[in-house]
Structures are given as structure tokens and as C-alpha cells.
């Protein structure tokens, strides 16, 4: 019986900061394809293992009939000019009071 696919041990230890150092982009495909800079994801979620990225990133507010897939791409210069990369503008924290009657 064939063994299930497991990423190599070296890939399981790769952190998002290493992905950004290599110049790669995070490609998220759900209803549509979007590209993110790893530095922006580190600003949001902190430095985490790259193989666990599907726990953090969601693109659609509604449920998609297609599957959700995340991978890393290293586009050439010509491809890089053709794609649109989403950049983090700002992070807003919303404070909501929760009341309890005593």
C-alpha cells in the first residue's frame, strides 16, 4: 500500500520569513486567484510554519463550491508584472464592550 504524501522534513520546518527572503509570493486559490506578500501575512499572523498557512488565510466570505488551495510561487519578471499582488494597507482592531449584569 502506498504511503500518503508528506512534505519533506526540510519543508515542514520552513517558516514564512524564509519564504519572504526567497522572494516568493503566496498564491491563494478559492473562487479566484490572489497573491499575497509573505511580509504582510507575517505582520498579521506572526511568523508561522509555511505548511500551516491554510489555517490562517481565507479569501472568500462566502462558501465556495471549489476547493481551497494555497501554494508558493516564484514568478519570473514578466509574470510578476502581469499579476496583481494584494498589499496590506492597515490593520484595524475593533473593540467591543461585553457587559454582564451583577
PDB file of N, CA and C in Angstrom:
ATOM      1  N   UNK A   1       0.847  -1.169   0.000  1.00  0.00           N
ATOM      2  CA  UNK A   1       0.000   0.000   0.000  1.00  0.00           C
ATOM      3  C   UNK A   1       0.897   1.238   0.000  1.00  0.00           C
ATOM      4  N   UNK A   2       0.637   2.188  -0.901  1.00  0.00           N
ATOM      5  CA  UNK A   2       1.494   3.375  -0.963  1.00  0.00           C
ATOM      6  C   UNK A   2       1.314   4.266   0.266  1.00  0.00           C
ATOM      7  N   UNK A   3       2.391   4.917   0.620  1.00  0.00           N
ATOM      8  CA  UNK A   3       2.372   5.830   1.753  1.00  0.00           C
ATOM      9  C   UNK A   3       1.693   7.141   1.353  1.00  0.00           C
ATOM     10  N   UNK A   4       0.963   7.777   2.260  1.00  0.00           N
ATOM     11  CA  UNK A   4       0.375   9.088   1.928  1.00  0.00           C
ATOM     12  C   UNK A   4       1.484  10.118   1.727  1.00  0.00           C
ATOM     13  N   UNK A   5       1.177  11.098   0.908  1.00  0.00           N
ATOM     14  CA  UNK A   5       2.172  12.130   0.611  1.00  0.00           C
ATOM     15  C   UNK A   5       2.449  12.983   1.836  1.00  0.00           C
ATOM     16  N   UNK A   6       3.710  13.117   2.148  1.00  0.00           N
ATOM     17  CA  UNK A   6       4.150  14.009   3.224  1.00  0.00           C
ATOM     18  C   UNK A   6       5.206  14.927   2.655  1.00  0.00           C
ATOM     19  N   UNK A   7       5.172  16.198   2.996  1.00  0.00           N
ATOM     20  CA  UNK A   7       6.238  17.081   2.519  1.00  0.00           C
ATOM     21  C   UNK A   7       7.561  16.678   3.147  1.00  0.00           C
ATOM     22  N   UNK A   8       8.670  16.935   2.465  1.00  0.00           N
ATOM     23  CA  UNK A   8       9.968  16.610   3.048  1.00  0.00           C
ATOM     24  C   UNK A   8      10.153  17.319   4.383  1.00  0.00           C
ATOM     25  N   UNK A   9      10.978  16.727   5.241  1.00  0.00           N
ATOM     26  CA  UNK A   9      11.187  17.262   6.583  1.00  0.00           C
ATOM     27  C   UNK A   9      11.654  18.709   6.540  1.00  0.00           C
ATOM     28  N   UNK A  10      12.492  19.033   5.576  1.00  0.00           N
ATOM     29  CA  UNK A  10      13.002  20.399   5.468  1.00  0.00           C
ATOM     30  C   UNK A  10      11.862  21.384   5.172  1.00  0.00           C
ATOM     31  N   UNK A  11      10.872  20.977   4.376  1.00  0.00           N
ATOM     32  CA  UNK A  11       9.751  21.856   4.053  1.00  0.00           C
ATOM     33  C   UNK A  11       8.836  22.063   5.253  1.00  0.00           C
ATOM     34  N   UNK A  12       8.739  21.093   6.148  1.00  0.00           N
ATOM     35  CA  UNK A  12       7.859  21.254   7.304  1.00  0.00           C
ATOM     36  C   UNK A  12       8.431  22.271   8.287  1.00  0.00           C
ATOM     37  N   UNK A  13       9.733  22.499   8.263  1.00  0.00           N
ATOM     38  CA  UNK A  13      10.351  23.450   9.173  1.00  0.00           C
ATOM     39  C   UNK A  13      10.482  24.844   8.571  1.00  0.00           C
ATOM     40  N   UNK A  14      10.136  25.007   7.320  1.00  0.00           N
ATOM     41  CA  UNK A  14      10.295  26.295   6.654  1.00  0.00           C
ATOM     42  C   UNK A  14       9.284  27.300   7.204  1.00  0.00           C
ATOM     43  N   UNK A  15       9.786  28.443   7.632  1.00  0.00           N
ATOM     44  CA  UNK A  15       8.945  29.475   8.222  1.00  0.00           C
ATOM     45  C   UNK A  15       8.588  30.511   7.154  1.00  0.00           C
ATOM     46  N   UNK A  16       7.553  31.298   7.440  1.00  0.00           N
ATOM     47  CA  UNK A  16       7.112  32.304   6.470  1.00  0.00           C
ATOM     48  C   UNK A  16       8.185  33.356   6.209  1.00  0.00           C
ATOM     49  N   UNK A  17       9.016  33.644   7.193  1.00  0.00           N
ATOM     50  CA  UNK A  17      10.094  34.615   6.979  1.00  0.00           C
ATOM     51  C   UNK A  17      11.085  34.111   5.936  1.00  0.00           C
ATOM     52  N   UNK A  18      11.295  32.798   5.879  1.00  0.00           N
ATOM     53  CA  UNK A  18      12.180  32.231   4.864  1.00  0.00           C
ATOM     54  C   UNK A  18      11.562  32.322   3.474  1.00  0.00           C
ATOM     55  N   UNK A  19      10.257  32.187   3.393  1.00  0.00           N
ATOM     56  CA  UNK A  19       9.564  32.309   2.108  1.00  0.00           C
ATOM     57  C   UNK A  19       9.724  33.728   1.575  1.00  0.00           C
ATOM     58  N   UNK A  20       9.607  34.711   2.454  1.00  0.00           N
ATOM     59  CA  UNK A  20       9.777  36.102   2.050  1.00  0.00           C
ATOM     60  C   UNK A  20      11.206  36.415   1.646  1.00  0.00           C
ATOM     61  N   UNK A  21      12.182  35.804   2.309  1.00  0.00           N
ATOM     62  CA  UNK A  21      13.584  36.024   1.963  1.00  0.00           C
ATOM     63  C   UNK A  21      13.914  35.499   0.572  1.00  0.00           C
ATOM     64  N   UNK A  22      13.224  34.446   0.164  1.00  0.00           N
ATOM     65  CA  UNK A  22      13.469  33.857  -1.158  1.00  0.00           C
ATOM     66  C   UNK A  22      12.787  34.621  -2.272  1.00  0.00           C
ATOM     67  N   UNK A  23      11.956  35.609  -1.943  1.00  0.00           N
ATOM     68  CA  UNK A  23      11.258  36.394  -2.955  1.00  0.00           C
ATOM     69  C   UNK A  23      10.008  35.730  -3.504  1.00  0.00           C
ATOM     70  N   UNK A  24       9.482  34.753  -2.791  1.00  0.00           N
ATOM     71  CA  UNK A  24       8.295  34.042  -3.257  1.00  0.00           C
ATOM     72  C   UNK A  24       7.035  34.798  -2.863  1.00  0.00           C
ATOM     73  N   UNK A  25       5.960  34.502  -3.552  1.00  0.00           N
ATOM     74  CA  UNK A  25       4.645  35.044  -3.241  1.00  0.00           C
ATOM     75  C   UNK A  25       3.745  33.907  -2.782  1.00  0.00           C
ATOM     76  N   UNK A  26       2.757  34.231  -1.982  1.00  0.00           N
ATOM     77  CA  UNK A  26       1.772  33.255  -1.535  1.00  0.00           C
ATOM     78  C   UNK A  26       0.595  33.327  -2.501  1.00  0.00           C
ATOM     79  N   UNK A  27       0.285  32.204  -3.139  1.00  0.00           N
ATOM     80  CA  UNK A  27      -0.803  32.134  -4.121  1.00  0.00           C
ATOM     81  C   UNK A  27      -1.972  31.405  -3.476  1.00  0.00           C
ATOM     82  N   UNK A  28      -3.106  32.101  -3.343  1.00  0.00           N
ATOM     83  CA  UNK A  28      -4.300  31.535  -2.730  1.00  0.00           C
ATOM     84  C   UNK A  28      -5.366  31.405  -3.804  1.00  0.00           C
ATOM     85  N   UNK A  29      -5.887  30.192  -3.964  1.00  0.00           N
ATOM     86  CA  UNK A  29      -6.901  29.958  -4.988  1.00  0.00           C
ATOM     87  C   UNK A  29      -8.149  29.403  -4.326  1.00  0.00           C
ATOM     88  N   UNK A  30      -9.246  30.116  -4.486  1.00  0.00           N
ATOM     89  CA  UNK A  30     -10.543  29.694  -3.979  1.00  0.00           C
ATOM     90  C   UNK A  30     -11.543  29.927  -5.112  1.00  0.00           C
ATOM     91  N   UNK A  31     -12.345  30.966  -5.027  1.00  0.00           N
ATOM     92  CA  UNK A  31     -13.209  31.352  -6.145  1.00  0.00           C
ATOM     93  C   UNK A  31     -12.385  32.058  -7.215  1.00  0.00           C
ATOM     94  N   UNK A  32     -11.328  32.704  -6.806  1.00  0.00           N
ATOM     95  CA  UNK A  32     -10.432  33.401  -7.712  1.00  0.00           C
ATOM     96  C   UNK A  32      -9.022  33.279  -7.152  1.00  0.00           C
ATOM     97  N   UNK A  33      -8.053  33.659  -7.923  1.00  0.00           N
ATOM     98  CA  UNK A  33      -6.654  33.553  -7.511  1.00  0.00           C
ATOM     99  C   UNK A  33      -6.178  34.910  -7.013  1.00  0.00           C
ATOM    100  N   UNK A  34      -5.549  34.914  -5.843  1.00  0.00           N
ATOM    101  CA  UNK A  34      -4.978  36.134  -5.280  1.00  0.00           C
ATOM    102  C   UNK A  34      -3.566  35.845  -4.814  1.00  0.00           C
ATOM    103  N   UNK A  35      -2.730  36.862  -4.924  1.00  0.00           N
ATOM    104  CA  UNK A  35      -1.344  36.753  -4.496  1.00  0.00           C
ATOM    105  C   UNK A  35      -1.103  37.690  -3.318  1.00  0.00           C
ATOM    106  N   UNK A  36      -0.351  37.218  -2.342  1.00  0.00           N
ATOM    107  CA  UNK A  36      -0.032  37.996  -1.155  1.00  0.00           C
ATOM    108  C   UNK A  36       1.480  37.997  -0.937  1.00  0.00           C
ATOM    109  N   UNK A  37       1.972  39.062  -0.326  1.00  0.00           N
ATOM    110  CA  UNK A  37       3.378  39.110   0.067  1.00  0.00           C
ATOM    111  C   UNK A  37       3.514  38.432   1.420  1.00  0.00           C
ATOM    112  N   UNK A  38       4.523  37.586   1.606  1.00  0.00           N
ATOM    113  CA  UNK A  38       4.701  36.922   2.906  1.00  0.00           C
ATOM    114  C   UNK A  38       4.920  37.905   4.049  1.00  0.00           C
ATOM    115  N   UNK A  39       5.518  39.055   3.775  1.00  0.00           N
ATOM    116  CA  UNK A  39       5.758  40.041   4.829  1.00  0.00           C
ATOM    117  C   UNK A  39       4.444  40.560   5.411  1.00  0.00           C
ATOM    118  N   UNK A  40       3.426  40.703   4.566  1.00  0.00           N
ATOM    119  CA  UNK A  40       2.122  41.162   5.041  1.00  0.00           C
ATOM    120  C   UNK A  40       1.453  40.115   5.925  1.00  0.00           C
ATOM    121  N   UNK A  41       1.583  38.841   5.546  1.00  0.00           N
ATOM    122  CA  UNK A  41       0.993  37.776   6.353  1.00  0.00           C
ATOM    123  C   UNK A  41       1.707  37.636   7.687  1.00  0.00           C
ATOM    124  N   UNK A  42       3.018  37.901   7.705  1.00  0.00           N
ATOM    125  CA  UNK A  42       3.762  37.866   8.964  1.00  0.00           C
ATOM    126  C   UNK A  42       3.301  39.007   9.869  1.00  0.00           C
ATOM    127  N   UNK A  43       3.014  40.161   9.288  1.00  0.00           N
ATOM    128  CA  UNK A  43       2.524  41.293  10.080  1.00  0.00           C
ATOM    129  C   UNK A  43       1.168  40.976  10.715  1.00  0.00           C
ATOM    130  N   UNK A  44       0.334  40.209  10.021  1.00  0.00           N
ATOM    131  CA  UNK A  44      -0.980  39.860  10.547  1.00  0.00           C
ATOM    132  C   UNK A  44      -0.948  38.729  11.559  1.00  0.00           C
ATOM    133  N   UNK A  45      -0.277  37.640  11.208  1.00  0.00           N
ATOM    134  CA  UNK A  45      -0.370  36.413  11.989  1.00  0.00           C
ATOM    135  C   UNK A  45       0.901  36.042  12.729  1.00  0.00           C
ATOM    136  N   UNK A  46       1.993  36.740  12.482  1.00  0.00           N
ATOM    137  CA  UNK A  46       3.265  36.368  13.079  1.00  0.00           C
ATOM    138  C   UNK A  46       3.986  35.362  12.192  1.00  0.00           C
ATOM    139  N   UNK A  47       5.179  35.004  12.583  1.00  0.00           N
ATOM    140  CA  UNK A  47       5.967  34.057  11.807  1.00  0.00           C
ATOM    141  C   UNK A  47       5.510  32.636  12.144  1.00  0.00           C
ATOM    142  N   UNK A  48       5.004  31.920  11.172  1.00  0.00           N
ATOM    143  CA  UNK A  48       4.484  30.576  11.386  1.00  0.00           C
ATOM    144  C   UNK A  48       5.040  29.642  10.327  1.00  0.00           C
ATOM    145  N   UNK A  49       4.860  28.338  10.527  1.00  0.00           N
ATOM    146  CA  UNK A  49       5.352  27.363   9.559  1.00  0.00           C
ATOM    147  C   UNK A  49       4.571  27.495   8.262  1.00  0.00           C
ATOM    148  N   UNK A  50       5.285  27.465   7.158  1.00  0.00           N
ATOM    149  CA  UNK A  50       4.672  27.698   5.854  1.00  0.00           C
ATOM    150  C   UNK A  50       3.660  26.618   5.482  1.00  0.00           C
ATOM    151  N   UNK A  51       3.850  25.388   5.947  1.00  0.00           N
ATOM    152  CA  UNK A  51       2.909  24.327   5.586  1.00  0.00           C
ATOM    153  C   UNK A  51       1.571  24.473   6.310  1.00  0.00           C
ATOM    154  N   UNK A  52       1.499  25.316   7.333  1.00  0.00           N
ATOM    155  CA  UNK A  52       0.256  25.516   8.083  1.00  0.00           C
ATOM    156  C   UNK A  52      -0.487  26.762   7.648  1.00  0.00           C
ATOM    157  N   UNK A  53      -0.196  27.256   6.473  1.00  0.00           N
ATOM    158  CA  UNK A  53      -0.765  28.527   6.025  1.00  0.00           C
ATOM    159  C   UNK A  53      -2.270  28.444   5.789  1.00  0.00           C
ATOM    160  N   UNK A  54      -2.788  27.287   5.450  1.00  0.00           N
ATOM    161  CA  UNK A  54      -4.219  27.171   5.179  1.00  0.00           C
ATOM    162  C   UNK A  54      -5.060  27.405   6.429  1.00  0.00           C
ATOM    163  N   UNK A  55      -4.451  27.318   7.605  1.00  0.00           N
ATOM    164  CA  UNK A  55      -5.172  27.614   8.845  1.00  0.00           C
ATOM    165  C   UNK A  55      -5.411  29.102   9.016  1.00  0.00           C
ATOM    166  N   UNK A  56      -4.571  29.925   8.407  1.00  0.00           N
ATOM    167  CA  UNK A  56      -4.603  31.357   8.636  1.00  0.00           C
ATOM    168  C   UNK A  56      -5.299  32.156   7.535  1.00  0.00           C
ATOM    169  N   UNK A  57      -5.125  31.771   6.292  1.00  0.00           N
ATOM    170  CA  UNK A  57      -5.539  32.611   5.173  1.00  0.00           C
ATOM    171  C   UNK A  57      -6.874  32.133   4.617  1.00  0.00           C
ATOM    172  N   UNK A  58      -7.810  33.063   4.479  1.00  0.00           N
ATOM    173  CA  UNK A  58      -9.092  32.829   3.806  1.00  0.00           C
ATOM    174  C   UNK A  58      -9.329  34.008   2.881  1.00  0.00           C
ATOM    175  N   UNK A  59      -9.882  33.746   1.697  1.00  0.00           N
ATOM    176  CA  UNK A  59     -10.123  34.836   0.764  1.00  0.00           C
ATOM    177  C   UNK A  59     -11.596  35.137   0.596  1.00  0.00           C
ATOM    178  N   UNK A  60     -12.452  34.159   0.668  1.00  0.00           N
ATOM    179  CA  UNK A  60     -13.869  34.365   0.371  1.00  0.00           C
ATOM    180  C   UNK A  60     -14.680  34.459   1.657  1.00  0.00           C
ATOM    181  N   UNK A  61     -15.610  35.373   1.663  1.00  0.00           N
ATOM    182  CA  UNK A  61     -16.517  35.482   2.788  1.00  0.00           C
ATOM    183  C   UNK A  61     -17.626  34.434   2.676  1.00  0.00           C
ATOM    184  N   UNK A  62     -17.927  34.072   1.474  1.00  0.00           N
ATOM    185  CA  UNK A  62     -18.981  33.082   1.246  1.00  0.00           C
ATOM    186  C   UNK A  62     -18.329  31.734   0.953  1.00  0.00           C
ATOM    187  N   UNK A  63     -19.086  30.680   1.090  1.00  0.00           N
ATOM    188  CA  UNK A  63     -18.558  29.353   0.821  1.00  0.00           C
ATOM    189  C   UNK A  63     -18.410  29.111  -0.672  1.00  0.00           C
ATOM    190  N   UNK A  64     -17.307  28.575  -1.066  1.00  0.00           N
ATOM    191  CA  UNK A  64     -17.062  28.311  -2.484  1.00  0.00           C
ATOM    192  C   UNK A  64     -17.327  26.844  -2.779  1.00  0.00           C
ATOM    193  N   UNK A  65     -17.789  26.594  -3.970  1.00  0.00           N
ATOM    194  CA  UNK A  65     -18.014  25.214  -4.367  1.00  0.00           C
ATOM    195  C   UNK A  65     -16.695  24.536  -4.735  1.00  0.00           C
ATOM    196  N   UNK A  66     -15.717  25.365  -5.150  1.00  0.00           N
ATOM    197  CA  UNK A  66     -14.413  24.806  -5.486  1.00  0.00           C
ATOM    198  C   UNK A  66     -13.578  24.667  -4.230  1.00  0.00           C
ATOM    199  N   UNK A  67     -12.527  23.883  -4.318  1.00  0.00           N
ATOM    200  CA  UNK A  67     -11.656  23.681  -3.174  1.00  0.00           C
ATOM    201  C   UNK A  67     -10.791  24.894  -2.879  1.00  0.00           C
ATOM    202  N   UNK A  68     -10.208  24.883  -1.733  1.00  0.00           N
ATOM    203  CA  UNK A  68      -9.342  25.957  -1.266  1.00  0.00           C
ATOM    204  C   UNK A  68      -7.908  25.453  -1.339  1.00  0.00           C
ATOM    205  N   UNK A  69      -7.048  26.184  -2.043  1.00  0.00           N
ATOM    206  CA  UNK A  69      -5.675  25.713  -2.242  1.00  0.00           C
ATOM    207  C   UNK A  69      -4.695  26.868  -2.056  1.00  0.00           C
ATOM    208  N   UNK A  70      -3.633  26.623  -1.304  1.00  0.00           N
ATOM    209  CA  UNK A  70      -2.593  27.621  -1.063  1.00  0.00           C
ATOM    210  C   UNK A  70      -1.255  27.018  -1.451  1.00  0.00           C
ATOM    211  N   UNK A  71      -0.473  27.760  -2.214  1.00  0.00           N
ATOM    212  CA  UNK A  71       0.885  27.327  -2.526  1.00  0.00           C
ATOM    213  C   UNK A  71       1.773  28.558  -2.673  1.00  0.00           C
ATOM    214  N   UNK A  72       3.040  28.329  -2.927  1.00  0.00           N
ATOM    215  CA  UNK A  72       4.017  29.398  -3.052  1.00  0.00           C
ATOM    216  C   UNK A  72       4.514  29.425  -4.482  1.00  0.00           C
ATOM    217  N   UNK A  73       4.680  30.622  -5.018  1.00  0.00           N
ATOM    218  CA  UNK A  73       5.159  30.735  -6.390  1.00  0.00           C
ATOM    219  C   UNK A  73       6.301  31.735  -6.442  1.00  0.00           C
ATOM    220  N   UNK A  74       7.211  31.472  -7.336  1.00  0.00           N
ATOM    221  CA  UNK A  74       8.332  32.366  -7.589  1.00  0.00           C
ATOM    222  C   UNK A  74       8.219  32.799  -9.041  1.00  0.00           C
ATOM    223  N   UNK A  75       7.429  33.861  -9.301  1.00  0.00           N
ATOM    224  CA  UNK A  75       7.176  34.256 -10.685  1.00  0.00           C
ATOM    225  C   UNK A  75       8.408  34.918 -11.310  1.00  0.00           C
ATOM    226  N   UNK A  76       8.498  34.766 -12.616  1.00  0.00           N
ATOM    227  CA  UNK A  76       9.553  35.457 -13.349  1.00  0.00           C
ATOM    228  C   UNK A  76       9.211  36.945 -13.414  1.00  0.00           C
ATOM    229  N   UNK A  77      10.113  37.731 -13.945  1.00  0.00           N
ATOM    230  CA  UNK A  77       9.882  39.181 -14.012  1.00  0.00           C
ATOM    231  C   UNK A  77       8.675  39.508 -14.892  1.00  0.00           C
ATOM    232  N   UNK A  78       8.522  38.791 -16.004  1.00  0.00           N
ATOM    233  CA  UNK A  78       7.387  39.040 -16.890  1.00  0.00           C
ATOM    234  C   UNK A  78       6.071  38.637 -16.219  1.00  0.00           C
ATOM    235  N   UNK A  79       6.067  37.507 -15.516  1.00  0.00           N
ATOM    236  CA  UNK A  79       4.863  37.074 -14.813  1.00  0.00           C
ATOM    237  C   UNK A  79       4.533  38.020 -13.663  1.00  0.00           C
ATOM    238  N   UNK A  80       5.565  38.522 -13.010  1.00  0.00           N
ATOM    239  CA  UNK A  80       5.362  39.419 -11.860  1.00  0.00           C
ATOM    240  C   UNK A  80       4.684  40.717 -12.289  1.00  0.00           C
ATOM    241  N   UNK A  81       4.981  41.198 -13.485  1.00  0.00           N
ATOM    242  CA  UNK A  81       4.343  42.410 -13.977  1.00  0.00           C
ATOM    243  C   UNK A  81       2.886  42.176 -14.339  1.00  0.00           C
ATOM    244  N   UNK A  82       2.543  40.945 -14.690  1.00  0.00           N
ATOM    245  CA  UNK A  82       1.181  40.651 -15.126  1.00  0.00           C
ATOM    246  C   UNK A  82       0.227  40.408 -13.959  1.00  0.00           C
ATOM    247  N   UNK A  83       0.730  39.952 -12.808  1.00  0.00           N
ATOM    248  CA  UNK A  83      -0.162  39.631 -11.702  1.00  0.00           C
ATOM    249  C   UNK A  83      -0.316  40.828 -10.767  1.00  0.00           C
ATOM    250  N   UNK A  84      -1.429  40.839 -10.035  1.00  0.00           N
ATOM    251  CA  UNK A  84      -1.687  41.887  -9.046  1.00  0.00           C
ATOM    252  C   UNK A  84      -1.490  41.286  -7.660  1.00  0.00           C
ATOM    253  N   UNK A  85      -0.635  41.895  -6.881  1.00  0.00           N
ATOM    254  CA  UNK A  85      -0.334  41.428  -5.536  1.00  0.00           C
ATOM    255  C   UNK A  85      -1.099  42.293  -4.547  1.00  0.00           C
ATOM    256  N   UNK A  86      -1.791  41.656  -3.617  1.00  0.00           N
ATOM    257  CA  UNK A  86      -2.524  42.399  -2.586  1.00  0.00           C
ATOM    258  C   UNK A  86      -1.550  42.845  -1.516  1.00  0.00           C
ATOM    259  N   UNK A  87      -1.589  44.126  -1.195  1.00  0.00           N
ATOM    260  CA  UNK A  87      -0.713  44.684  -0.175  1.00  0.00           C
ATOM    261  C   UNK A  87      -1.535  45.071   1.040  1.00  0.00           C
ATOM    262  N   UNK A  88      -0.948  44.893   2.187  1.00  0.00           N
ATOM    263  CA  UNK A  88      -1.610  45.240   3.440  1.00  0.00           C
ATOM    264  C   UNK A  88      -1.592  46.745   3.620  1.00  0.00           C
ATOM    265  N   UNK A  89      -2.764  47.341   3.704  1.00  0.00           N
ATOM    266  CA  UNK A  89      -2.862  48.792   3.861  1.00  0.00           C
ATOM    267  C   UNK A  89      -2.755  49.172   5.327  1.00  0.00           C
ATOM    268  N   UNK A  90      -3.588  48.572   6.163  1.00  0.00           N
ATOM    269  CA  UNK A  90      -3.551  48.847   7.592  1.00  0.00           C
ATOM    270  C   UNK A  90      -4.256  47.726   8.332  1.00  0.00           C
ATOM    271  N   UNK A  91      -4.005  47.671   9.617  1.00  0.00           N
ATOM    272  CA  UNK A  91      -4.649  46.685  10.485  1.00  0.00           C
ATOM    273  C   UNK A  91      -5.508  47.459  11.472  1.00  0.00           C
ATOM    274  N   UNK A  92      -6.793  47.155  11.498  1.00  0.00           N
ATOM    275  CA  UNK A  92      -7.707  47.814  12.421  1.00  0.00           C
ATOM    276  C   UNK A  92      -8.173  46.804  13.464  1.00  0.00           C
ATOM    277  N   UNK A  93      -8.117  47.215  14.702  1.00  0.00           N
ATOM    278  CA  UNK A  93      -8.640  46.404  15.788  1.00  0.00           C
ATOM    279  C   UNK A  93      -9.946  47.023  16.254  1.00  0.00           C
ATOM    280  N   UNK A  94     -10.955  46.208  16.379  1.00  0.00           N
ATOM    281  CA  UNK A  94     -12.266  46.694  16.798  1.00  0.00           C
ATOM    282  C   UNK A  94     -12.483  46.276  18.246  1.00  0.00           C
ATOM    283  N   UNK A  95     -12.774  47.257  19.103  1.00  0.00           N
ATOM    284  CA  UNK A  95     -13.053  46.968  20.499  1.00  0.00           C
ATOM    285  C   UNK A  95     -14.557  46.987  20.713  1.00  0.00           C
ATOM    286  N   UNK A  96     -15.070  45.918  21.269  1.00  0.00           N
ATOM    287  CA  UNK A  96     -16.494  45.819  21.561  1.00  0.00           C
ATOM    288  C   UNK A  96     -16.663  45.513  23.044  1.00  0.00           C
ATOM    289  N   UNK A  97     -17.447  46.305  23.728  1.00  0.00           N
ATOM    290  CA  UNK A  97     -17.662  46.003  25.151  1.00  0.00           C
ATOM    291  C   UNK A  97     -18.630  44.832  25.309  1.00  0.00           C
ATOM    292  N   UNK A  98     -18.345  44.024  26.285  1.00  0.00           N
ATOM    293  CA  UNK A  98     -19.239  42.919  26.643  1.00  0.00           C
ATOM    294  C   UNK A  98     -19.665  43.169  28.086  1.00  0.00           C
ATOM    295  N   UNK A  99     -20.968  43.303  28.292  1.00  0.00           N
ATOM    296  CA  UNK A  99     -21.497  43.663  29.592  1.00  0.00           C
ATOM    297  C   UNK A  99     -22.045  42.437  30.299  1.00  0.00           C
ATOM    298  N   UNK A 100     -21.945  42.498  31.616  1.00  0.00           N
ATOM    299  CA  UNK A 100     -22.502  41.438  32.450  1.00  0.00           C
ATOM    300  C   UNK A 100     -23.248  42.109  33.603  1.00  0.00           C
ATOM    301  N   UNK A 101     -24.467  41.702  33.851  1.00  0.00           N
ATOM    302  CA  UNK A 101     -25.243  42.250  34.966  1.00  0.00           C
ATOM    303  C   UNK A 101     -24.896  41.505  36.239  1.00  0.00           C
ATOM    304  N   UNK A 102     -24.702  42.280  37.291  1.00  0.00           N
ATOM    305  CA  UNK A 102     -24.400  41.664  38.598  1.00  0.00           C
ATOM    306  C   UNK A 102     -25.471  41.999  39.594  1.00  0.00           C
TER     307      UNK A 102
END
